Structures are given as structure tokens and as C-alpha cells.
Amino acid sequence: MASLKVTQVKSGIGRPQNQRNTLRSLGLKRIGDVVVKEDRPELRGMVETIPHLVTFEEVE
């Protein structure tokens, strides 16, 4: 099954609480952190709420 590699590229400081919570629930704490998670609709939705803070790519 495909996975998503999510990288935090901007800080959550000064952002609304729901965006900071989304970063934390993805497992991202600081700029440059990278997580690889299973590609699921829930994860895609979380990434789509903070596209200005993260980059993502599909990995096999």
C-alpha cells in the first residue's frame, strides 16, 4: 500500500489552534520534521487543512 511522506516546512506559531493540533496529531513538532504514514483519507484531509505548513509526496 502507498504511503505519504509529510514534511513540516513552516512553523505553527501564530496559527489557529486547530492547525497546531493537526501538526501535532501528524507527529510533527518542528520545521524539518518528516513522518511517513499510510495513505488514508483521514490523513489526506489533515494534510489538506495545513497545505501552507507542510509538503507531502507519495512513496512506495
N, C-alpha and C. Protein backbone atom coordinates (compact mmCIF):
# COMPACT_ATOMS: atom_id res chain seq x y z
N MET A 1 0.84 -1.18 0.00
CA MET A 1 0.00 0.00 0.00
C MET A 1 0.89 1.25 0.00
N ALA A 2 0.41 2.30 -0.61
CA ALA A 2 1.17 3.55 -0.72
C ALA A 2 1.24 4.26 0.62
N SER A 3 2.25 5.08 0.76
CA SER A 3 2.44 5.88 1.96
C SER A 3 2.63 7.32 1.56
N LEU A 4 2.44 8.21 2.53
CA LEU A 4 2.69 9.63 2.32
C LEU A 4 3.84 10.06 3.20
N LYS A 5 4.76 10.79 2.61
CA LYS A 5 5.87 11.38 3.34
C LYS A 5 5.52 12.85 3.55
N VAL A 6 5.32 13.24 4.80
CA VAL A 6 4.89 14.60 5.13
C VAL A 6 6.04 15.30 5.83
N THR A 7 6.38 16.50 5.35
CA THR A 7 7.48 17.29 5.90
C THR A 7 6.95 18.65 6.33
N GLN A 8 7.27 19.06 7.55
CA GLN A 8 6.88 20.39 8.01
C GLN A 8 7.86 21.41 7.47
N VAL A 9 7.36 22.45 6.79
CA VAL A 9 8.22 23.46 6.19
C VAL A 9 8.05 24.84 6.82
N LYS A 10 6.97 25.05 7.57
CA LYS A 10 6.75 26.32 8.25
C LYS A 10 6.28 26.06 9.67
N SER A 11 6.45 27.05 10.50
CA SER A 11 6.12 26.94 11.91
C SER A 11 4.62 27.07 12.15
N GLY A 12 4.16 26.47 13.23
CA GLY A 12 2.77 26.60 13.65
C GLY A 12 2.54 27.77 14.57
N ILE A 13 3.59 28.50 14.92
CA ILE A 13 3.46 29.65 15.82
C ILE A 13 2.60 30.72 15.16
N GLY A 14 1.63 31.22 15.90
CA GLY A 14 0.75 32.27 15.39
C GLY A 14 -0.38 31.75 14.54
N ARG A 15 -0.48 30.45 14.39
CA ARG A 15 -1.56 29.85 13.59
C ARG A 15 -2.72 29.50 14.51
N PRO A 16 -3.92 29.32 13.95
CA PRO A 16 -5.07 28.91 14.78
C PRO A 16 -4.81 27.58 15.48
N GLN A 17 -5.47 27.40 16.60
CA GLN A 17 -5.25 26.21 17.43
C GLN A 17 -5.51 24.92 16.66
N ASN A 18 -6.53 24.90 15.79
CA ASN A 18 -6.83 23.66 15.07
C ASN A 18 -5.70 23.27 14.12
N GLN A 19 -4.99 24.25 13.56
CA GLN A 19 -3.86 23.95 12.69
C GLN A 19 -2.68 23.42 13.50
N ARG A 20 -2.44 23.99 14.67
CA ARG A 20 -1.37 23.49 15.53
C ARG A 20 -1.68 22.08 16.01
N ASN A 21 -2.96 21.81 16.31
CA ASN A 21 -3.36 20.47 16.73
C ASN A 21 -3.17 19.47 15.61
N THR A 22 -3.44 19.88 14.38
CA THR A 22 -3.26 18.99 13.24
C THR A 22 -1.79 18.63 13.06
N LEU A 23 -0.90 19.62 13.21
CA LEU A 23 0.53 19.33 13.12
C LEU A 23 0.93 18.30 14.17
N ARG A 24 0.48 18.48 15.40
CA ARG A 24 0.82 17.56 16.47
C ARG A 24 0.26 16.16 16.22
N SER A 25 -0.97 16.09 15.74
CA SER A 25 -1.57 14.77 15.50
C SER A 25 -0.89 14.03 14.36
N LEU A 26 -0.25 14.77 13.46
CA LEU A 26 0.55 14.14 12.40
C LEU A 26 1.90 13.68 12.93
N GLY A 27 2.28 14.17 14.11
CA GLY A 27 3.57 13.80 14.69
C GLY A 27 4.67 14.77 14.34
N LEU A 28 4.30 15.98 13.92
CA LEU A 28 5.28 17.00 13.54
C LEU A 28 5.42 18.00 14.67
N LYS A 29 6.66 18.27 15.07
CA LYS A 29 6.89 19.18 16.18
C LYS A 29 7.68 20.42 15.78
N ARG A 30 8.56 20.29 14.80
CA ARG A 30 9.41 21.43 14.43
C ARG A 30 9.67 21.41 12.93
N ILE A 31 10.13 22.53 12.42
CA ILE A 31 10.43 22.65 10.99
C ILE A 31 11.49 21.61 10.62
N GLY A 32 11.25 20.92 9.54
CA GLY A 32 12.18 19.90 9.07
C GLY A 32 11.80 18.50 9.49
N ASP A 33 10.86 18.36 10.41
CA ASP A 33 10.42 17.02 10.82
C ASP A 33 9.73 16.31 9.65
N VAL A 34 9.99 15.02 9.54
CA VAL A 34 9.42 14.20 8.47
C VAL A 34 8.75 12.98 9.08
N VAL A 35 7.54 12.67 8.62
CA VAL A 35 6.86 11.44 9.04
C VAL A 35 6.38 10.72 7.78
N VAL A 36 6.38 9.41 7.84
CA VAL A 36 5.85 8.60 6.75
C VAL A 36 4.67 7.83 7.32
N LYS A 37 3.50 8.06 6.75
CA LYS A 37 2.28 7.43 7.25
C LYS A 37 1.56 6.75 6.09
N GLU A 38 0.74 5.78 6.44
CA GLU A 38 -0.08 5.07 5.46
C GLU A 38 -1.06 6.04 4.82
N ASP A 39 -1.21 5.97 3.52
CA ASP A 39 -2.09 6.89 2.78
C ASP A 39 -3.54 6.48 3.01
N ARG A 40 -4.25 7.31 3.77
CA ARG A 40 -5.66 7.08 4.07
C ARG A 40 -6.42 8.39 3.87
N PRO A 41 -7.72 8.33 3.69
CA PRO A 41 -8.50 9.56 3.50
C PRO A 41 -8.39 10.51 4.69
N GLU A 42 -8.30 9.96 5.91
CA GLU A 42 -8.20 10.81 7.09
C GLU A 42 -6.90 11.63 7.06
N LEU A 43 -5.82 10.97 6.67
CA LEU A 43 -4.53 11.64 6.61
C LEU A 43 -4.53 12.70 5.52
N ARG A 44 -5.11 12.37 4.37
CA ARG A 44 -5.19 13.35 3.27
C ARG A 44 -5.96 14.59 3.72
N GLY A 45 -7.03 14.39 4.46
CA GLY A 45 -7.83 15.51 4.96
C GLY A 45 -7.04 16.39 5.91
N MET A 46 -6.24 15.76 6.78
CA MET A 46 -5.43 16.53 7.71
C MET A 46 -4.39 17.34 6.97
N VAL A 47 -3.76 16.75 5.96
CA VAL A 47 -2.75 17.46 5.18
C VAL A 47 -3.39 18.61 4.40
N GLU A 48 -4.60 18.43 3.92
CA GLU A 48 -5.26 19.48 3.15
C GLU A 48 -5.68 20.67 4.01
N THR A 49 -5.77 20.49 5.33
CA THR A 49 -6.12 21.62 6.19
C THR A 49 -4.92 22.52 6.46
N ILE A 50 -3.69 22.00 6.25
CA ILE A 50 -2.49 22.80 6.52
C ILE A 50 -1.49 22.74 5.35
N PRO A 51 -1.94 22.94 4.11
CA PRO A 51 -1.01 22.82 2.98
C PRO A 51 0.05 23.91 2.97
N HIS A 52 -0.20 25.02 3.67
CA HIS A 52 0.77 26.11 3.72
C HIS A 52 1.87 25.85 4.75
N LEU A 53 1.72 24.80 5.57
CA LEU A 53 2.71 24.48 6.60
C LEU A 53 3.52 23.23 6.28
N VAL A 54 3.02 22.39 5.37
CA VAL A 54 3.68 21.12 5.09
C VAL A 54 3.79 20.88 3.59
N THR A 55 4.70 19.98 3.23
CA THR A 55 4.75 19.43 1.88
C THR A 55 4.57 17.93 2.02
N PHE A 56 4.05 17.30 0.99
CA PHE A 56 3.88 15.85 1.05
C PHE A 56 4.12 15.24 -0.30
N GLU A 57 4.52 13.97 -0.29
CA GLU A 57 4.73 13.24 -1.53
C GLU A 57 4.40 11.77 -1.27
N GLU A 58 3.98 11.11 -2.31
CA GLU A 58 3.67 9.68 -2.20
C GLU A 58 4.96 8.89 -2.34
N VAL A 59 5.09 7.87 -1.49
CA VAL A 59 6.23 6.96 -1.56
C VAL A 59 5.69 5.53 -1.57
N GLU A 60 6.44 4.65 -2.18
CA GLU A 60 6.00 3.25 -2.26
C GLU A 60 6.57 2.43 -1.14
